[in-house]
């Protein structure tokens, strides 16, 4: 069985999607439609902007979404997923690719999500840190002993976890994690504490946009970040998508559940190869490939 997976923030690069735009008239039409919907020429920033341009949350998230979704649409009838999943932002790409959301609605929600997250980041300084080579349980235990907000945010693969929270709490947790034997506990260059309680203001704002958006039954199960389980019910999908902003991304568990449910081949659609690497670490026997 074939699973398609869609990357999240951090996978962007200058020039992303340009081949699609140049060589596929239908893709070009979708990119131009996106420029109209967003009210600025995101294609100019994607194809010829700077790294700094692409690092702005309000640009990064729609850019990665567009690259991923338009790639899926460019496959036409060859796109036949048995299941899909996306990492954080990538969950929106997965939902559009699987027909649960229209292209236009998906893009509007991603733009609203990016703006809401940006605002939440500005309210209170916060950050994230990657933790390498400690068991998940040990990281959870240490975070629970630190004063202030610090939680496990991304369960990426065994031995690779991202924590998220207030800057002082993250600094203290990194100190304790290194003392406990972590190979690395390194702060990331991100705008704020995604997938933590610090994103509560953004969650409330996004909930309203999601509530007013029509969702359909997807063509295949969508494994969602919050519980790592397959979903096809539009109401459940909406609820999980709202919860996602303040809840951890359970990527390790999602991939394991997809494999348990029959996935043997994983195809990453979108910029970069991050998810291919993670899937290979979660299960070395899985076949992984990608398109970008």
C-alpha atoms as a PDB file:
ATOM      1  CA  UNK A   1       0.000   0.000   0.000  1.00  0.00           C
ATOM      2  CA  UNK A   2       1.181   3.507  -0.833  1.00  0.00           C
ATOM      3  CA  UNK A   3       1.266   6.369   1.657  1.00  0.00           C
ATOM      4  CA  UNK A   4       1.883   9.960   0.595  1.00  0.00           C
ATOM      5  CA  UNK A   5       3.422  12.286   3.181  1.00  0.00           C
ATOM      6  CA  UNK A   6       3.713  16.080   3.167  1.00  0.00           C
ATOM      7  CA  UNK A   7       6.451  18.165   4.842  1.00  0.00           C
ATOM      8  CA  UNK A   8       6.128  21.015   7.312  1.00  0.00           C
ATOM      9  CA  UNK A   9       7.897  24.278   8.067  1.00  0.00           C
ATOM     10  CA  UNK A  10      11.668  24.233   7.628  1.00  0.00           C
ATOM     11  CA  UNK A  11      11.735  22.355   4.307  1.00  0.00           C
ATOM     12  CA  UNK A  12      11.542  25.529   2.166  1.00  0.00           C
ATOM     13  CA  UNK A  13      14.277  26.591  -0.267  1.00  0.00           C
ATOM     14  CA  UNK A  14      14.652  29.406  -2.816  1.00  0.00           C
ATOM     15  CA  UNK A  15      13.518  28.153  -6.231  1.00  0.00           C
ATOM     16  CA  UNK A  16      10.950  25.736  -4.807  1.00  0.00           C
ATOM     17  CA  UNK A  17       8.143  24.924  -7.262  1.00  0.00           C
ATOM     18  CA  UNK A  18       9.713  26.830 -10.191  1.00  0.00           C
ATOM     19  CA  UNK A  19      10.046  23.755 -12.438  1.00  0.00           C
ATOM     20  CA  UNK A  20       6.372  22.995 -11.894  1.00  0.00           C
ATOM     21  CA  UNK A  21       5.400  26.572 -12.751  1.00  0.00           C
ATOM     22  CA  UNK A  22       7.594  26.674 -15.880  1.00  0.00           C
ATOM     23  CA  UNK A  23       6.695  23.262 -17.285  1.00  0.00           C
ATOM     24  CA  UNK A  24       3.093  22.577 -16.309  1.00  0.00           C
ATOM     25  CA  UNK A  25       0.322  24.965 -17.488  1.00  0.00           C
ATOM     26  CA  UNK A  26      -2.192  23.617 -14.930  1.00  0.00           C
ATOM     27  CA  UNK A  27       0.327  24.094 -12.130  1.00  0.00           C
ATOM     28  CA  UNK A  28       1.015  27.645 -13.342  1.00  0.00           C
ATOM     29  CA  UNK A  29      -2.703  28.405 -13.223  1.00  0.00           C
ATOM     30  CA  UNK A  30      -2.908  27.192  -9.597  1.00  0.00           C
ATOM     31  CA  UNK A  31       0.145  29.235  -8.575  1.00  0.00           C
ATOM     32  CA  UNK A  32      -1.389  32.352 -10.147  1.00  0.00           C
ATOM     33  CA  UNK A  33      -4.688  31.642  -8.403  1.00  0.00           C
ATOM     34  CA  UNK A  34      -2.757  31.434  -5.139  1.00  0.00           C
ATOM     35  CA  UNK A  35      -1.176  34.845  -5.811  1.00  0.00           C
ATOM     36  CA  UNK A  36      -4.683  36.295  -6.224  1.00  0.00           C
ATOM     37  CA  UNK A  37      -6.061  34.613  -3.084  1.00  0.00           C
ATOM     38  CA  UNK A  38      -3.118  35.716  -0.916  1.00  0.00           C
ATOM     39  CA  UNK A  39      -3.048  39.237  -2.295  1.00  0.00           C
ATOM     40  CA  UNK A  40       0.694  39.176  -2.987  1.00  0.00           C
ATOM     41  CA  UNK A  41       2.938  37.348  -5.466  1.00  0.00           C
ATOM     42  CA  UNK A  42       4.169  34.505  -3.307  1.00  0.00           C
ATOM     43  CA  UNK A  43       5.615  32.908  -6.461  1.00  0.00           C
ATOM     44  CA  UNK A  44       8.170  35.750  -6.742  1.00  0.00           C
ATOM     45  CA  UNK A  45       9.387  34.991  -3.204  1.00  0.00           C
ATOM     46  CA  UNK A  46       9.387  31.218  -3.770  1.00  0.00           C
ATOM     47  CA  UNK A  47      11.269  31.328  -7.053  1.00  0.00           C
ATOM     48  CA  UNK A  48      13.628  34.266  -6.581  1.00  0.00           C
ATOM     49  CA  UNK A  49      13.331  35.607  -3.038  1.00  0.00           C
ATOM     50  CA  UNK A  50      15.909  35.368  -0.274  1.00  0.00           C
ATOM     51  CA  UNK A  51      16.241  32.776   2.494  1.00  0.00           C
ATOM     52  CA  UNK A  52      15.120  35.550   4.845  1.00  0.00           C
ATOM     53  CA  UNK A  53      11.928  36.141   2.798  1.00  0.00           C
ATOM     54  CA  UNK A  54      11.097  32.441   2.940  1.00  0.00           C
ATOM     55  CA  UNK A  55      11.705  32.237   6.687  1.00  0.00           C
ATOM     56  CA  UNK A  56       8.789  34.554   7.477  1.00  0.00           C
ATOM     57  CA  UNK A  57       5.984  32.359   8.780  1.00  0.00           C
ATOM     58  CA  UNK A  58       3.391  34.179   6.648  1.00  0.00           C
ATOM     59  CA  UNK A  59       5.399  33.197   3.535  1.00  0.00           C
ATOM     60  CA  UNK A  60       6.888  29.849   4.594  1.00  0.00           C
ATOM     61  CA  UNK A  61       3.642  28.069   5.387  1.00  0.00           C
ATOM     62  CA  UNK A  62       1.673  28.933   2.211  1.00  0.00           C
ATOM     63  CA  UNK A  63       4.818  28.355   0.099  1.00  0.00           C
ATOM     64  CA  UNK A  64       5.352  24.801   1.371  1.00  0.00           C
ATOM     65  CA  UNK A  65       1.625  24.075   1.155  1.00  0.00           C
ATOM     66  CA  UNK A  66       1.486  25.266  -2.486  1.00  0.00           C
ATOM     67  CA  UNK A  67       4.554  23.316  -3.561  1.00  0.00           C
ATOM     68  CA  UNK A  68       3.217  20.102  -1.969  1.00  0.00           C
ATOM     69  CA  UNK A  69      -0.404  20.360  -3.103  1.00  0.00           C
ATOM     70  CA  UNK A  70       0.368  21.437  -6.666  1.00  0.00           C
ATOM     71  CA  UNK A  71       2.839  18.535  -6.959  1.00  0.00           C
ATOM     72  CA  UNK A  72       0.066  16.130  -5.910  1.00  0.00           C
ATOM     73  CA  UNK A  73      -2.368  17.703  -8.388  1.00  0.00           C
ATOM     74  CA  UNK A  74       0.241  17.543 -11.184  1.00  0.00           C
ATOM     75  CA  UNK A  75       0.268  13.738 -10.843  1.00  0.00           C
ATOM     76  CA  UNK A  76      -3.358  13.642 -12.064  1.00  0.00           C
ATOM     77  CA  UNK A  77      -4.788  10.120 -12.086  1.00  0.00           C
ATOM     78  CA  UNK A  78      -1.407   8.724 -10.991  1.00  0.00           C
ATOM     79  CA  UNK A  79      -2.054  10.154  -7.542  1.00  0.00           C
ATOM     80  CA  UNK A  80      -3.784   7.203  -5.869  1.00  0.00           C
ATOM     81  CA  UNK A  81      -2.980   7.263  -2.147  1.00  0.00           C
ATOM     82  CA  UNK A  82      -4.089   4.456   0.155  1.00  0.00           C
ATOM     83  CA  UNK A  83      -3.409   6.816   3.061  1.00  0.00           C
ATOM     84  CA  UNK A  84      -1.888  10.263   3.660  1.00  0.00           C
ATOM     85  CA  UNK A  85      -0.277  12.210   6.487  1.00  0.00           C
ATOM     86  CA  UNK A  86       1.465  15.548   6.898  1.00  0.00           C
ATOM     87  CA  UNK A  87       3.942  16.890   9.448  1.00  0.00           C
ATOM     88  CA  UNK A  88       2.382  19.882  11.248  1.00  0.00           C
ATOM     89  CA  UNK A  89       1.609  22.358   8.416  1.00  0.00           C
ATOM     90  CA  UNK A  90       1.820  19.362   6.030  1.00  0.00           C
ATOM     91  CA  UNK A  91      -1.444  18.041   7.472  1.00  0.00           C
ATOM     92  CA  UNK A  92      -3.259  20.798   5.541  1.00  0.00           C
ATOM     93  CA  UNK A  93      -1.487  19.720   2.332  1.00  0.00           C
ATOM     94  CA  UNK A  94      -2.493  16.107   3.011  1.00  0.00           C
ATOM     95  CA  UNK A  95      -6.143  17.094   3.562  1.00  0.00           C
ATOM     96  CA  UNK A  96      -6.312  19.037   0.278  1.00  0.00           C
ATOM     97  CA  UNK A  97      -4.516  16.278  -1.645  1.00  0.00           C
ATOM     98  CA  UNK A  98      -7.009  13.724  -0.271  1.00  0.00           C
ATOM     99  CA  UNK A  99     -10.021  15.890  -1.170  1.00  0.00           C
ATOM    100  CA  UNK A 100     -11.141  16.785   2.370  1.00  0.00           C
ATOM    101  CA  UNK A 101     -10.545  20.483   1.632  1.00  0.00           C
ATOM    102  CA  UNK A 102     -10.687  22.481  -1.595  1.00  0.00           C
ATOM    103  CA  UNK A 103      -7.466  24.096  -2.860  1.00  0.00           C
ATOM    104  CA  UNK A 104      -8.795  27.618  -2.209  1.00  0.00           C
ATOM    105  CA  UNK A 105     -10.100  26.851   1.288  1.00  0.00           C
ATOM    106  CA  UNK A 106      -6.907  25.001   2.222  1.00  0.00           C
ATOM    107  CA  UNK A 107      -4.759  27.945   1.153  1.00  0.00           C
ATOM    108  CA  UNK A 108      -6.945  30.442   3.035  1.00  0.00           C
ATOM    109  CA  UNK A 109      -6.725  28.343   6.212  1.00  0.00           C
ATOM    110  CA  UNK A 110      -2.945  27.992   5.896  1.00  0.00           C
ATOM    111  CA  UNK A 111      -2.601  31.770   5.450  1.00  0.00           C
ATOM    112  CA  UNK A 112      -4.877  32.364   8.472  1.00  0.00           C
ATOM    113  CA  UNK A 113      -2.872  29.810  10.512  1.00  0.00           C
ATOM    114  CA  UNK A 114       0.442  31.454   9.603  1.00  0.00           C
ATOM    115  CA  UNK A 115      -0.810  34.925  10.576  1.00  0.00           C
ATOM    116  CA  UNK A 116      -2.330  33.668  13.830  1.00  0.00           C
ATOM    117  CA  UNK A 117       0.908  31.875  14.747  1.00  0.00           C
ATOM    118  CA  UNK A 118       2.986  34.951  13.902  1.00  0.00           C
ATOM    119  CA  UNK A 119       0.811  37.065  16.218  1.00  0.00           C
ATOM    120  CA  UNK A 120       1.079  34.487  19.020  1.00  0.00           C
ATOM    121  CA  UNK A 121       4.882  34.477  18.614  1.00  0.00           C
ATOM    122  CA  UNK A 122       4.973  38.261  19.007  1.00  0.00           C
ATOM    123  CA  UNK A 123       2.897  38.197  22.206  1.00  0.00           C
ATOM    124  CA  UNK A 124       5.553  36.344  24.190  1.00  0.00           C
ATOM    125  CA  UNK A 125       9.129  35.370  23.269  1.00  0.00           C
ATOM    126  CA  UNK A 126       9.329  31.595  22.923  1.00  0.00           C
ATOM    127  CA  UNK A 127      11.308  29.000  20.985  1.00  0.00           C
ATOM    128  CA  UNK A 128      11.961  25.314  20.249  1.00  0.00           C
ATOM    129  CA  UNK A 129      14.963  22.996  20.633  1.00  0.00           C
ATOM    130  CA  UNK A 130      15.984  19.698  19.036  1.00  0.00           C
ATOM    131  CA  UNK A 131      16.960  16.893  21.404  1.00  0.00           C
ATOM    132  CA  UNK A 132      19.070  14.060  20.016  1.00  0.00           C
ATOM    133  CA  UNK A 133      19.742  10.594  21.457  1.00  0.00           C
ATOM    134  CA  UNK A 134      17.575  10.464  24.566  1.00  0.00           C
ATOM    135  CA  UNK A 135      14.507   8.218  25.007  1.00  0.00           C
ATOM    136  CA  UNK A 136      11.186  10.087  24.616  1.00  0.00           C
ATOM    137  CA  UNK A 137      10.157   9.157  28.169  1.00  0.00           C
ATOM    138  CA  UNK A 138      13.337  10.702  29.616  1.00  0.00           C
ATOM    139  CA  UNK A 139      12.757  13.963  27.717  1.00  0.00           C
ATOM    140  CA  UNK A 140       9.132  14.082  28.910  1.00  0.00           C
ATOM    141  CA  UNK A 141      10.217  13.440  32.501  1.00  0.00           C
ATOM    142  CA  UNK A 142      12.861  16.212  32.471  1.00  0.00           C
ATOM    143  CA  UNK A 143      10.497  18.749  30.852  1.00  0.00           C
ATOM    144  CA  UNK A 144       7.928  18.070  33.582  1.00  0.00           C
ATOM    145  CA  UNK A 145      10.439  19.125  36.270  1.00  0.00           C
ATOM    146  CA  UNK A 146      11.203  22.543  34.730  1.00  0.00           C
ATOM    147  CA  UNK A 147       9.376  25.695  35.874  1.00  0.00           C
ATOM    148  CA  UNK A 148       7.525  27.541  33.097  1.00  0.00           C
ATOM    149  CA  UNK A 149       6.188  26.224  29.796  1.00  0.00           C
ATOM    150  CA  UNK A 150       8.286  23.508  28.124  1.00  0.00           C
ATOM    151  CA  UNK A 151       6.708  20.484  26.432  1.00  0.00           C
ATOM    152  CA  UNK A 152       7.526  17.812  23.870  1.00  0.00           C
ATOM    153  CA  UNK A 153       6.321  19.211  20.525  1.00  0.00           C
ATOM    154  CA  UNK A 154       7.519  16.893  17.727  1.00  0.00           C
ATOM    155  CA  UNK A 155       8.080  13.154  18.085  1.00  0.00           C
ATOM    156  CA  UNK A 156      10.041  12.958  14.815  1.00  0.00           C
ATOM    157  CA  UNK A 157      11.702   9.535  15.004  1.00  0.00           C
ATOM    158  CA  UNK A 158      13.302   7.407  17.720  1.00  0.00           C
ATOM    159  CA  UNK A 159      16.057   9.469  19.345  1.00  0.00           C
ATOM    160  CA  UNK A 160      14.959  12.749  17.735  1.00  0.00           C
ATOM    161  CA  UNK A 161      12.472  14.926  19.552  1.00  0.00           C
ATOM    162  CA  UNK A 162      11.732  18.666  19.550  1.00  0.00           C
ATOM    163  CA  UNK A 163      10.751  20.542  22.700  1.00  0.00           C
ATOM    164  CA  UNK A 164       8.851  23.826  22.700  1.00  0.00           C
ATOM    165  CA  UNK A 165       8.108  26.605  25.177  1.00  0.00           C
ATOM    166  CA  UNK A 166       9.216  29.779  26.927  1.00  0.00           C
ATOM    167  CA  UNK A 167      12.852  30.756  26.303  1.00  0.00           C
ATOM    168  CA  UNK A 168      14.047  30.487  29.923  1.00  0.00           C
ATOM    169  CA  UNK A 169      12.321  27.134  30.388  1.00  0.00           C
ATOM    170  CA  UNK A 170      13.833  25.810  27.129  1.00  0.00           C
ATOM    171  CA  UNK A 171      17.329  26.964  28.217  1.00  0.00           C
ATOM    172  CA  UNK A 172      16.953  25.183  31.564  1.00  0.00           C
ATOM    173  CA  UNK A 173      15.571  22.019  29.921  1.00  0.00           C
ATOM    174  CA  UNK A 174      18.481  21.940  27.410  1.00  0.00           C
ATOM    175  CA  UNK A 175      20.947  22.155  30.313  1.00  0.00           C
ATOM    176  CA  UNK A 176      19.265  19.258  32.145  1.00  0.00           C
ATOM    177  CA  UNK A 177      18.881  17.159  28.990  1.00  0.00           C
ATOM    178  CA  UNK A 178      22.584  17.467  28.153  1.00  0.00           C
ATOM    179  CA  UNK A 179      23.455  16.530  31.741  1.00  0.00           C
ATOM    180  CA  UNK A 180      21.198  13.469  31.344  1.00  0.00           C
ATOM    181  CA  UNK A 181      23.183  12.307  28.306  1.00  0.00           C
ATOM    182  CA  UNK A 182      21.550  13.936  25.284  1.00  0.00           C
ATOM    183  CA  UNK A 183      24.007  14.018  22.367  1.00  0.00           C
ATOM    184  CA  UNK A 184      22.551  17.412  21.494  1.00  0.00           C
ATOM    185  CA  UNK A 185      19.971  19.830  22.911  1.00  0.00           C
ATOM    186  CA  UNK A 186      20.077  22.732  20.519  1.00  0.00           C
ATOM    187  CA  UNK A 187      17.773  25.723  20.120  1.00  0.00           C
ATOM    188  CA  UNK A 188      16.225  26.060  16.656  1.00  0.00           C
ATOM    189  CA  UNK A 189      15.932  29.201  14.524  1.00  0.00           C
ATOM    190  CA  UNK A 190      12.146  29.410  14.681  1.00  0.00           C
ATOM    191  CA  UNK A 191       9.767  32.271  15.368  1.00  0.00           C
ATOM    192  CA  UNK A 192       8.183  30.756  18.452  1.00  0.00           C
ATOM    193  CA  UNK A 193       7.000  27.772  20.479  1.00  0.00           C
ATOM    194  CA  UNK A 194       4.867  25.892  17.965  1.00  0.00           C
ATOM    195  CA  UNK A 195       2.809  22.927  19.223  1.00  0.00           C
ATOM    196  CA  UNK A 196       2.861  24.156  22.815  1.00  0.00           C
ATOM    197  CA  UNK A 197       0.478  26.022  25.152  1.00  0.00           C
ATOM    198  CA  UNK A 198       2.180  29.252  23.947  1.00  0.00           C
ATOM    199  CA  UNK A 199       0.138  28.866  20.745  1.00  0.00           C
ATOM    200  CA  UNK A 200      -3.220  29.059  22.571  1.00  0.00           C
ATOM    201  CA  UNK A 201      -4.067  32.550  21.159  1.00  0.00           C
ATOM    202  CA  UNK A 202      -3.434  31.229  17.628  1.00  0.00           C
ATOM    203  CA  UNK A 203      -5.500  28.086  18.271  1.00  0.00           C
ATOM    204  CA  UNK A 204      -8.521  30.149  19.292  1.00  0.00           C
ATOM    205  CA  UNK A 205      -8.191  32.348  16.185  1.00  0.00           C
ATOM    206  CA  UNK A 206      -7.703  29.400  13.816  1.00  0.00           C
ATOM    207  CA  UNK A 207     -10.636  27.500  15.356  1.00  0.00           C
ATOM    208  CA  UNK A 208     -13.003  30.180  14.108  1.00  0.00           C
ATOM    209  CA  UNK A 209     -11.641  29.971  10.533  1.00  0.00           C
ATOM    210  CA  UNK A 210     -11.806  26.148  10.552  1.00  0.00           C
ATOM    211  CA  UNK A 211     -15.364  26.165  11.950  1.00  0.00           C
ATOM    212  CA  UNK A 212     -16.483  28.337   9.019  1.00  0.00           C
ATOM    213  CA  UNK A 213     -14.813  26.131   6.381  1.00  0.00           C
ATOM    214  CA  UNK A 214     -16.489  23.220   4.619  1.00  0.00           C
ATOM    215  CA  UNK A 215     -14.730  19.865   4.966  1.00  0.00           C
ATOM    216  CA  UNK A 216     -15.615  16.751   2.928  1.00  0.00           C
ATOM    217  CA  UNK A 217     -14.938  13.059   3.457  1.00  0.00           C
ATOM    218  CA  UNK A 218     -11.405  12.406   2.137  1.00  0.00           C
ATOM    219  CA  UNK A 219     -10.752   9.802  -0.569  1.00  0.00           C
ATOM    220  CA  UNK A 220      -8.517   7.853   1.842  1.00  0.00           C
ATOM    221  CA  UNK A 221      -7.716   7.885   5.578  1.00  0.00           C
ATOM    222  CA  UNK A 222      -5.738  10.875   6.865  1.00  0.00           C
ATOM    223  CA  UNK A 223      -3.427  10.048   9.797  1.00  0.00           C
ATOM    224  CA  UNK A 224      -3.577  13.151  11.966  1.00  0.00           C
ATOM    225  CA  UNK A 225      -0.809  14.552  14.147  1.00  0.00           C
ATOM    226  CA  UNK A 226      -2.694  14.809  17.443  1.00  0.00           C
ATOM    227  CA  UNK A 227      -3.522  11.114  17.881  1.00  0.00           C
ATOM    228  CA  UNK A 228      -1.573   9.420  15.029  1.00  0.00           C
ATOM    229  CA  UNK A 229      -4.779   7.647  13.979  1.00  0.00           C
ATOM    230  CA  UNK A 230      -6.593   7.441  10.608  1.00  0.00           C
ATOM    231  CA  UNK A 231      -9.581   9.741  10.155  1.00  0.00           C
ATOM    232  CA  UNK A 232     -12.229  10.147   7.459  1.00  0.00           C
ATOM    233  CA  UNK A 233     -15.026  11.869   9.406  1.00  0.00           C
ATOM    234  CA  UNK A 234     -15.046  15.625   8.568  1.00  0.00           C
ATOM    235  CA  UNK A 235     -16.107  16.658  12.101  1.00  0.00           C
ATOM    236  CA  UNK A 236     -13.282  14.633  13.698  1.00  0.00           C
ATOM    237  CA  UNK A 237     -10.782  15.998  11.174  1.00  0.00           C
ATOM    238  CA  UNK A 238     -11.800  19.590  12.020  1.00  0.00           C
ATOM    239  CA  UNK A 239     -11.493  19.012  15.769  1.00  0.00           C
ATOM    240  CA  UNK A 240      -8.058  17.428  15.426  1.00  0.00           C
ATOM    241  CA  UNK A 241      -6.855  20.230  13.164  1.00  0.00           C
ATOM    242  CA  UNK A 242      -7.850  22.833  15.764  1.00  0.00           C
ATOM    243  CA  UNK A 243      -6.164  20.859  18.581  1.00  0.00           C
ATOM    244  CA  UNK A 244      -3.008  20.453  16.498  1.00  0.00           C
ATOM    245  CA  UNK A 245      -1.604  23.940  17.176  1.00  0.00           C
ATOM    246  CA  UNK A 246      -1.116  23.372  20.895  1.00  0.00           C
ATOM    247  CA  UNK A 247      -0.624  19.575  20.801  1.00  0.00           C
ATOM    248  CA  UNK A 248       2.484  17.573  19.848  1.00  0.00           C
ATOM    249  CA  UNK A 249       3.112  16.191  16.351  1.00  0.00           C
ATOM    250  CA  UNK A 250       3.141  12.417  16.848  1.00  0.00           C
ATOM    251  CA  UNK A 251       5.068  11.608  13.677  1.00  0.00           C
ATOM    252  CA  UNK A 252       6.841   8.468  14.908  1.00  0.00           C
ATOM    253  CA  UNK A 253       3.515   7.003  16.056  1.00  0.00           C
ATOM    254  CA  UNK A 254       1.739   8.056  12.816  1.00  0.00           C
ATOM    255  CA  UNK A 255       4.288   6.292  10.599  1.00  0.00           C
ATOM    256  CA  UNK A 256       4.238   3.177  12.783  1.00  0.00           C
ATOM    257  CA  UNK A 257       0.443   3.077  12.621  1.00  0.00           C
ATOM    258  CA  UNK A 258       0.465   3.515   8.828  1.00  0.00           C
ATOM    259  CA  UNK A 259       2.904   0.613   8.517  1.00  0.00           C
ATOM    260  CA  UNK A 260       0.779  -1.506  10.882  1.00  0.00           C
ATOM    261  CA  UNK A 261      -2.200  -0.735   8.627  1.00  0.00           C
ATOM    262  CA  UNK A 262      -0.368  -1.957   5.513  1.00  0.00           C
ATOM    263  CA  UNK A 263       1.795   0.894   4.180  1.00  0.00           C
ATOM    264  CA  UNK A 264       4.930  -0.431   2.483  1.00  0.00           C
ATOM    265  CA  UNK A 265       5.847   2.557   0.330  1.00  0.00           C
ATOM    266  CA  UNK A 266       6.105   6.209   1.408  1.00  0.00           C
ATOM    267  CA  UNK A 267       6.294   9.064  -1.109  1.00  0.00           C
ATOM    268  CA  UNK A 268       7.109  12.572   0.125  1.00  0.00           C
ATOM    269  CA  UNK A 269       5.562  15.371  -1.934  1.00  0.00           C
ATOM    270  CA  UNK A 270       7.002  18.844  -1.437  1.00  0.00           C
ATOM    271  CA  UNK A 271      10.281  20.606  -0.750  1.00  0.00           C
ATOM    272  CA  UNK A 272      13.200  18.799   0.894  1.00  0.00           C
ATOM    273  CA  UNK A 273      13.698  15.200   2.010  1.00  0.00           C
ATOM    274  CA  UNK A 274      13.161  15.512   5.751  1.00  0.00           C
ATOM    275  CA  UNK A 275      10.250  13.077   5.992  1.00  0.00           C
ATOM    276  CA  UNK A 276      11.991  10.474   3.828  1.00  0.00           C
ATOM    277  CA  UNK A 277      14.840  10.490   6.355  1.00  0.00           C
ATOM    278  CA  UNK A 278      12.483  10.243   9.327  1.00  0.00           C
ATOM    279  CA  UNK A 279      10.444   7.370   7.838  1.00  0.00           C
ATOM    280  CA  UNK A 280      13.673   5.448   7.080  1.00  0.00           C
ATOM    281  CA  UNK A 281      14.768   5.855  10.714  1.00  0.00           C
ATOM    282  CA  UNK A 282      11.351   4.829  12.062  1.00  0.00           C
ATOM    283  CA  UNK A 283      11.285   1.687   9.886  1.00  0.00           C
ATOM    284  CA  UNK A 284      14.384   0.874   7.797  1.00  0.00           C
ATOM    285  CA  UNK A 285      12.394  -1.754   5.853  1.00  0.00           C
ATOM    286  CA  UNK A 286       9.969   0.831   4.371  1.00  0.00           C
ATOM    287  CA  UNK A 287      10.470   1.992   0.766  1.00  0.00           C
ATOM    288  CA  UNK A 288      10.856   5.780   0.664  1.00  0.00           C
ATOM    289  CA  UNK A 289      11.024   8.229  -2.234  1.00  0.00           C
ATOM    290  CA  UNK A 290      10.057  11.818  -2.981  1.00  0.00           C
ATOM    291  CA  UNK A 291       9.186  14.443  -5.550  1.00  0.00           C
ATOM    292  CA  UNK A 292      10.000  18.138  -5.330  1.00  0.00           C
END
